[in-house]
Amino acid sequence: MDVREKLLTAALKVFEEAGSRGATTRRIASEAGVNEITLFRHFGSKAALMSEALACASAAPVENRLPAEPADPARELLAFSRTGYQHLRRNAAMIRTAMGEMEQAPDAARCVAANPARVHEQLKAYLARLQERGLASTDWDPHAASSMLMGTLFSDAMGRDMMPEKYPYSEAEAPAHYVSLFLRAIGVNAPAEHHPADGSPLQDP
């Protein structure tokens, strides 16, 4: 890892721990194991460093792409939801901090929101294709449905640590519970192996 990468990693770590005000250049430089002069030589200012660090974190690809041509909604949405949920759990600290910084550092919040916005559009388009191909009912809005599924995953990922009693099922089980309910809501008739008659959540493929 070169000096620039160390500074970007350190900036994110300190931001998660202390927010934008607490993320001083001295503290970031110390975390990276360099001096402040080195930080300014590479980035010029704290604002430039934080902007690039958050942009890099937000632009990191999440391998949860949905297929252009739906074939098995139950399997495809479960894989999508599991990958997205795991990404949210890994980045929960940064996301919470960015949300709390909305007033003081709106650019930070917007950077963190960029990737979820892209994923929302992808999911919305996929759900519309389900309707077009007769794989789901048509009496619901893809935009609202996308917000519902992503909002449910987000709520669990952000709230599980603070309210564990609200989530009696494990992190590994959570996406399957939500997708099972979601499929019913949008009128997808999942195959028997995906959607057991006893009401238990979707199983692994």
C-alpha atoms as a PDB file:
ATOM      1  CA  MET A   1       0.000   0.000   0.000  1.00  0.00           C
ATOM      2  CA  ASP A   2       1.539   3.327  -1.038  1.00  0.00           C
ATOM      3  CA  VAL A   3       1.355   6.553   0.976  1.00  0.00           C
ATOM      4  CA  ARG A   4      -1.677   7.870  -0.891  1.00  0.00           C
ATOM      5  CA  GLU A   5      -3.647   4.671  -0.277  1.00  0.00           C
ATOM      6  CA  LYS A   6      -2.631   4.705   3.391  1.00  0.00           C
ATOM      7  CA  LEU A   7      -3.951   8.242   3.749  1.00  0.00           C
ATOM      8  CA  LEU A   8      -7.247   7.387   2.048  1.00  0.00           C
ATOM      9  CA  THR A   9      -7.722   4.340   4.281  1.00  0.00           C
ATOM     10  CA  ALA A  10      -6.795   6.319   7.385  1.00  0.00           C
ATOM     11  CA  ALA A  11      -9.172   9.145   6.453  1.00  0.00           C
ATOM     12  CA  LEU A  12     -12.100   6.734   6.217  1.00  0.00           C
ATOM     13  CA  LYS A  13     -11.223   5.032   9.499  1.00  0.00           C
ATOM     14  CA  VAL A  14     -10.924   8.315  11.391  1.00  0.00           C
ATOM     15  CA  PHE A  15     -14.087   9.676   9.761  1.00  0.00           C
ATOM     16  CA  GLU A  16     -16.019   6.602  10.927  1.00  0.00           C
ATOM     17  CA  GLU A  17     -14.708   7.064  14.470  1.00  0.00           C
ATOM     18  CA  ALA A  18     -14.865  10.822  14.860  1.00  0.00           C
ATOM     19  CA  GLY A  19     -16.906  12.406  12.073  1.00  0.00           C
ATOM     20  CA  SER A  20     -15.743  15.255   9.868  1.00  0.00           C
ATOM     21  CA  ARG A  21     -14.842  17.641  12.700  1.00  0.00           C
ATOM     22  CA  GLY A  22     -12.907  15.026  14.647  1.00  0.00           C
ATOM     23  CA  ALA A  23     -11.089  13.846  11.545  1.00  0.00           C
ATOM     24  CA  THR A  24      -8.264  16.358  11.810  1.00  0.00           C
ATOM     25  CA  THR A  25      -5.322  16.232   9.448  1.00  0.00           C
ATOM     26  CA  ARG A  26      -3.048  15.509  12.411  1.00  0.00           C
ATOM     27  CA  ARG A  27      -5.133  12.517  13.461  1.00  0.00           C
ATOM     28  CA  ILE A  28      -5.417  11.178   9.895  1.00  0.00           C
ATOM     29  CA  ALA A  29      -1.672  11.563   9.305  1.00  0.00           C
ATOM     30  CA  SER A  30      -0.924   9.775  12.571  1.00  0.00           C
ATOM     31  CA  GLU A  31      -3.270   6.922  11.681  1.00  0.00           C
ATOM     32  CA  ALA A  32      -1.509   6.587   8.306  1.00  0.00           C
ATOM     33  CA  GLY A  33       1.937   6.712   9.913  1.00  0.00           C
ATOM     34  CA  VAL A  34       3.046   9.852   8.112  1.00  0.00           C
ATOM     35  CA  ASN A  35       3.377  13.548   8.986  1.00  0.00           C
ATOM     36  CA  GLU A  36       0.912  16.292   8.089  1.00  0.00           C
ATOM     37  CA  ILE A  37       3.246  17.772   5.484  1.00  0.00           C
ATOM     38  CA  THR A  38       3.036  14.499   3.568  1.00  0.00           C
ATOM     39  CA  LEU A  39      -0.759  14.609   3.749  1.00  0.00           C
ATOM     40  CA  PHE A  40      -0.890  18.119   2.307  1.00  0.00           C
ATOM     41  CA  ARG A  41       1.691  17.274  -0.338  1.00  0.00           C
ATOM     42  CA  HIS A  42      -0.557  14.494  -1.666  1.00  0.00           C
ATOM     43  CA  PHE A  43      -3.992  16.074  -1.258  1.00  0.00           C
ATOM     44  CA  GLY A  44      -3.570  19.793  -0.634  1.00  0.00           C
ATOM     45  CA  SER A  45      -6.319  20.009   1.974  1.00  0.00           C
ATOM     46  CA  LYS A  46      -8.379  17.941   4.361  1.00  0.00           C
ATOM     47  CA  ALA A  47     -11.497  18.589   2.269  1.00  0.00           C
ATOM     48  CA  ALA A  48      -9.847  17.176  -0.862  1.00  0.00           C
ATOM     49  CA  LEU A  49      -8.636  14.115   1.036  1.00  0.00           C
ATOM     50  CA  MET A  50     -12.023  13.377   2.606  1.00  0.00           C
ATOM     51  CA  SER A  51     -13.837  13.927  -0.670  1.00  0.00           C
ATOM     52  CA  GLU A  52     -11.614  11.439  -2.505  1.00  0.00           C
ATOM     53  CA  ALA A  53     -11.697   8.902   0.346  1.00  0.00           C
ATOM     54  CA  LEU A  54     -15.490   8.894   0.500  1.00  0.00           C
ATOM     55  CA  ALA A  55     -15.826   8.886  -3.271  1.00  0.00           C
ATOM     56  CA  CYS A  56     -13.511   5.866  -3.533  1.00  0.00           C
ATOM     57  CA  ALA A  57     -15.444   4.028  -0.830  1.00  0.00           C
ATOM     58  CA  SER A  58     -18.770   4.784  -2.480  1.00  0.00           C
ATOM     59  CA  ALA A  59     -17.546   3.821  -5.938  1.00  0.00           C
ATOM     60  CA  ALA A  60     -16.297   0.413  -4.792  1.00  0.00           C
ATOM     61  CA  PRO A  61     -18.245  -2.118  -6.872  1.00  0.00           C
ATOM     62  CA  VAL A  62     -20.846  -4.267  -5.145  1.00  0.00           C
ATOM     63  CA  GLU A  63     -21.122  -7.570  -6.983  1.00  0.00           C
ATOM     64  CA  ASN A  64     -24.888  -7.839  -6.740  1.00  0.00           C
ATOM     65  CA  ARG A  65     -25.927  -7.116 -10.293  1.00  0.00           C
ATOM     66  CA  LEU A  66     -29.278  -8.424 -11.425  1.00  0.00           C
ATOM     67  CA  PRO A  67     -29.566 -10.143 -14.820  1.00  0.00           C
ATOM     68  CA  ALA A  68     -30.749  -8.167 -17.813  1.00  0.00           C
ATOM     69  CA  GLU A  69     -33.225 -10.960 -18.556  1.00  0.00           C
ATOM     70  CA  PRO A  70     -35.041 -12.306 -15.450  1.00  0.00           C
ATOM     71  CA  ALA A  71     -35.348 -16.077 -15.276  1.00  0.00           C
ATOM     72  CA  ASP A  72     -35.721 -17.017 -11.614  1.00  0.00           C
ATOM     73  CA  PRO A  73     -36.869 -14.010  -9.522  1.00  0.00           C
ATOM     74  CA  ALA A  74     -36.662 -15.843  -6.199  1.00  0.00           C
ATOM     75  CA  ARG A  75     -33.073 -16.945  -6.723  1.00  0.00           C
ATOM     76  CA  GLU A  76     -31.963 -13.683  -8.352  1.00  0.00           C
ATOM     77  CA  LEU A  77     -33.487 -11.377  -5.742  1.00  0.00           C
ATOM     78  CA  LEU A  78     -32.147 -13.493  -2.900  1.00  0.00           C
ATOM     79  CA  ALA A  79     -28.591 -13.340  -4.265  1.00  0.00           C
ATOM     80  CA  PHE A  80     -28.950  -9.600  -4.881  1.00  0.00           C
ATOM     81  CA  SER A  81     -30.266  -8.965  -1.367  1.00  0.00           C
ATOM     82  CA  ARG A  82     -27.646 -11.061   0.385  1.00  0.00           C
ATOM     83  CA  THR A  83     -24.769  -9.309  -1.346  1.00  0.00           C
ATOM     84  CA  GLY A  84     -26.242  -5.857  -0.761  1.00  0.00           C
ATOM     85  CA  TYR A  85     -26.990  -6.605   2.882  1.00  0.00           C
ATOM     86  CA  GLN A  86     -23.466  -7.866   3.532  1.00  0.00           C
ATOM     87  CA  HIS A  87     -22.067  -4.700   1.940  1.00  0.00           C
ATOM     88  CA  LEU A  88     -24.260  -2.547   4.195  1.00  0.00           C
ATOM     89  CA  ARG A  89     -23.166  -4.446   7.297  1.00  0.00           C
ATOM     90  CA  ARG A  90     -19.483  -4.066   6.412  1.00  0.00           C
ATOM     91  CA  ASN A  91     -19.876  -0.319   5.887  1.00  0.00           C
ATOM     92  CA  ALA A  92     -22.434   0.395   8.618  1.00  0.00           C
ATOM     93  CA  ALA A  93     -20.103   2.592  10.686  1.00  0.00           C
ATOM     94  CA  MET A  94     -19.213   4.857   7.768  1.00  0.00           C
ATOM     95  CA  ILE A  95     -22.837   5.121   6.643  1.00  0.00           C
ATOM     96  CA  ARG A  96     -24.091   6.013  10.126  1.00  0.00           C
ATOM     97  CA  THR A  97     -21.413   8.662  10.503  1.00  0.00           C
ATOM     98  CA  ALA A  98     -22.178  10.172   7.087  1.00  0.00           C
ATOM     99  CA  MET A  99     -25.892  10.319   7.928  1.00  0.00           C
ATOM    100  CA  GLY A 100     -25.104  12.069  11.196  1.00  0.00           C
ATOM    101  CA  GLU A 101     -22.929  14.558   9.331  1.00  0.00           C
ATOM    102  CA  MET A 102     -25.666  15.652   6.919  1.00  0.00           C
ATOM    103  CA  GLU A 103     -25.826  19.175   8.359  1.00  0.00           C
ATOM    104  CA  GLN A 104     -22.086  19.762   8.820  1.00  0.00           C
ATOM    105  CA  ALA A 105     -20.786  17.805   5.824  1.00  0.00           C
ATOM    106  CA  PRO A 106     -23.510  17.343   3.196  1.00  0.00           C
ATOM    107  CA  ASP A 107     -20.954  16.404   0.527  1.00  0.00           C
ATOM    108  CA  ALA A 108     -19.917  13.393   2.608  1.00  0.00           C
ATOM    109  CA  ALA A 109     -23.509  12.202   2.870  1.00  0.00           C
ATOM    110  CA  ARG A 110     -24.037  12.635  -0.866  1.00  0.00           C
ATOM    111  CA  CYS A 111     -20.888  10.633  -1.638  1.00  0.00           C
ATOM    112  CA  VAL A 112     -22.056   7.739   0.513  1.00  0.00           C
ATOM    113  CA  ALA A 113     -25.529   7.880  -1.060  1.00  0.00           C
ATOM    114  CA  ALA A 114     -24.241   7.616  -4.637  1.00  0.00           C
ATOM    115  CA  ASN A 115     -23.901   3.830  -4.740  1.00  0.00           C
ATOM    116  CA  PRO A 116     -27.306   3.076  -3.154  1.00  0.00           C
ATOM    117  CA  ALA A 117     -28.902   5.400  -5.709  1.00  0.00           C
ATOM    118  CA  ARG A 118     -27.340   3.388  -8.549  1.00  0.00           C
ATOM    119  CA  VAL A 119     -28.461   0.103  -6.996  1.00  0.00           C
ATOM    120  CA  HIS A 120     -31.987   1.435  -6.552  1.00  0.00           C
ATOM    121  CA  GLU A 121     -32.204   2.248 -10.267  1.00  0.00           C
ATOM    122  CA  GLN A 122     -30.903  -1.190 -11.162  1.00  0.00           C
ATOM    123  CA  LEU A 123     -33.442  -2.929  -8.930  1.00  0.00           C
ATOM    124  CA  LYS A 124     -36.288  -0.729 -10.174  1.00  0.00           C
ATOM    125  CA  ALA A 125     -35.490  -1.607 -13.792  1.00  0.00           C
ATOM    126  CA  TYR A 126     -35.312  -5.325 -12.961  1.00  0.00           C
ATOM    127  CA  LEU A 127     -38.681  -5.233 -11.202  1.00  0.00           C
ATOM    128  CA  ALA A 128     -40.244  -3.467 -14.176  1.00  0.00           C
ATOM    129  CA  ARG A 129     -38.933  -6.258 -16.402  1.00  0.00           C
ATOM    130  CA  LEU A 130     -40.585  -8.828 -14.135  1.00  0.00           C
ATOM    131  CA  GLN A 131     -43.900  -7.098 -14.774  1.00  0.00           C
ATOM    132  CA  GLU A 132     -43.312  -6.812 -18.521  1.00  0.00           C
ATOM    133  CA  ARG A 133     -42.559 -10.513 -18.813  1.00  0.00           C
ATOM    134  CA  GLY A 134     -45.513 -11.643 -16.713  1.00  0.00           C
ATOM    135  CA  LEU A 135     -43.313 -12.933 -13.881  1.00  0.00           C
ATOM    136  CA  ALA A 136     -45.002 -10.687 -11.291  1.00  0.00           C
ATOM    137  CA  SER A 137     -48.307  -8.913 -10.831  1.00  0.00           C
ATOM    138  CA  THR A 138     -48.695  -5.399 -12.227  1.00  0.00           C
ATOM    139  CA  ASP A 139     -50.688  -3.636  -9.483  1.00  0.00           C
ATOM    140  CA  TRP A 140     -47.633  -2.076  -7.819  1.00  0.00           C
ATOM    141  CA  ASP A 141     -45.042   0.565  -8.674  1.00  0.00           C
ATOM    142  CA  PRO A 142     -41.441  -0.634  -9.325  1.00  0.00           C
ATOM    143  CA  HIS A 143     -40.039   2.554  -7.795  1.00  0.00           C
ATOM    144  CA  ALA A 144     -41.936   2.031  -4.530  1.00  0.00           C
ATOM    145  CA  ALA A 145     -41.174  -1.698  -4.499  1.00  0.00           C
ATOM    146  CA  SER A 146     -37.444  -1.043  -4.969  1.00  0.00           C
ATOM    147  CA  SER A 147     -37.506   1.451  -2.098  1.00  0.00           C
ATOM    148  CA  MET A 148     -39.345  -1.053   0.085  1.00  0.00           C
ATOM    149  CA  LEU A 149     -36.857  -3.906  -0.347  1.00  0.00           C
ATOM    150  CA  MET A 150     -33.775  -1.714  -0.117  1.00  0.00           C
ATOM    151  CA  GLY A 151     -35.221   0.174   2.840  1.00  0.00           C
ATOM    152  CA  THR A 152     -35.877  -3.060   4.711  1.00  0.00           C
ATOM    153  CA  LEU A 153     -32.331  -4.313   4.172  1.00  0.00           C
ATOM    154  CA  PHE A 154     -30.935  -0.908   5.140  1.00  0.00           C
ATOM    155  CA  SER A 155     -33.013  -0.704   8.315  1.00  0.00           C
ATOM    156  CA  ASP A 156     -31.781  -4.099   9.487  1.00  0.00           C
ATOM    157  CA  ALA A 157     -28.145  -3.426   8.579  1.00  0.00           C
ATOM    158  CA  MET A 158     -28.095  -0.082  10.406  1.00  0.00           C
ATOM    159  CA  GLY A 159     -30.324  -0.969  13.352  1.00  0.00           C
ATOM    160  CA  ARG A 160     -29.320  -4.513  14.265  1.00  0.00           C
ATOM    161  CA  ASP A 161     -26.425  -3.426  16.512  1.00  0.00           C
ATOM    162  CA  MET A 162     -28.566  -0.890  18.388  1.00  0.00           C
ATOM    163  CA  MET A 163     -31.728  -2.988  18.725  1.00  0.00           C
ATOM    164  CA  PRO A 164     -30.702  -6.668  18.595  1.00  0.00           C
ATOM    165  CA  GLU A 165     -33.970  -7.741  20.221  1.00  0.00           C
ATOM    166  CA  LYS A 166     -35.790  -6.530  17.115  1.00  0.00           C
ATOM    167  CA  TYR A 167     -33.983  -9.147  15.022  1.00  0.00           C
ATOM    168  CA  PRO A 168     -34.362 -12.647  16.546  1.00  0.00           C
ATOM    169  CA  TYR A 169     -33.085 -14.196  13.292  1.00  0.00           C
ATOM    170  CA  SER A 170     -29.410 -14.097  12.339  1.00  0.00           C
ATOM    171  CA  GLU A 171     -27.698 -11.877   9.777  1.00  0.00           C
ATOM    172  CA  ALA A 172     -27.326 -14.925   7.538  1.00  0.00           C
ATOM    173  CA  GLU A 173     -31.076 -15.570   7.653  1.00  0.00           C
ATOM    174  CA  ALA A 174     -32.301 -11.973   7.389  1.00  0.00           C
ATOM    175  CA  PRO A 175     -32.241 -11.447   3.585  1.00  0.00           C
ATOM    176  CA  ALA A 176     -34.166 -14.674   2.967  1.00  0.00           C
ATOM    177  CA  HIS A 177     -36.917 -13.610   5.375  1.00  0.00           C
ATOM    178  CA  TYR A 178     -37.308 -10.252   3.665  1.00  0.00           C
ATOM    179  CA  VAL A 179     -37.173 -11.582   0.118  1.00  0.00           C
ATOM    180  CA  SER A 180     -39.774 -14.243   0.903  1.00  0.00           C
ATOM    181  CA  LEU A 181     -42.209 -11.553   2.058  1.00  0.00           C
ATOM    182  CA  PHE A 182     -41.265  -9.266  -0.831  1.00  0.00           C
ATOM    183  CA  LEU A 183     -41.981 -11.943  -3.440  1.00  0.00           C
ATOM    184  CA  ARG A 184     -45.476 -12.394  -2.036  1.00  0.00           C
ATOM    185  CA  ALA A 185     -46.051  -8.642  -2.047  1.00  0.00           C
ATOM    186  CA  ILE A 186     -45.191  -8.283  -5.744  1.00  0.00           C
ATOM    187  CA  GLY A 187     -47.059 -11.420  -6.796  1.00  0.00           C
ATOM    188  CA  VAL A 188     -44.171 -13.674  -7.743  1.00  0.00           C
ATOM    189  CA  ASN A 189     -45.011 -17.346  -7.560  1.00  0.00           C
ATOM    190  CA  ALA A 190     -41.689 -18.773  -6.445  1.00  0.00           C
ATOM    191  CA  PRO A 191     -40.973 -22.431  -7.214  1.00  0.00           C
ATOM    192  CA  ALA A 192     -41.647 -24.840  -4.337  1.00  0.00           C
ATOM    193  CA  GLU A 193     -37.958 -25.306  -3.569  1.00  0.00           C
ATOM    194  CA  HIS A 194     -37.607 -21.533  -3.061  1.00  0.00           C
ATOM    195  CA  HIS A 195     -40.900 -20.821  -1.320  1.00  0.00           C
ATOM    196  CA  PRO A 196     -41.849 -23.704   1.024  1.00  0.00           C
ATOM    197  CA  ALA A 197     -45.488 -24.291   1.864  1.00  0.00           C
ATOM    198  CA  ASP A 198     -44.766 -24.117   5.588  1.00  0.00           C
ATOM    199  CA  GLY A 199     -43.867 -20.426   5.297  1.00  0.00           C
ATOM    200  CA  SER A 200     -40.206 -20.859   6.166  1.00  0.00           C
ATOM    201  CA  PRO A 201     -37.785 -18.434   4.467  1.00  0.00           C
ATOM    202  CA  LEU A 202     -36.132 -18.996   1.134  1.00  0.00           C
ATOM    203  CA  GLN A 203     -33.320 -21.503   1.188  1.00  0.00           C
ATOM    204  CA  ASP A 204     -29.920 -21.404  -0.446  1.00  0.00           C
ATOM    205  CA  PRO A 205     -29.879 -22.463  -4.074  1.00  0.00           C
END
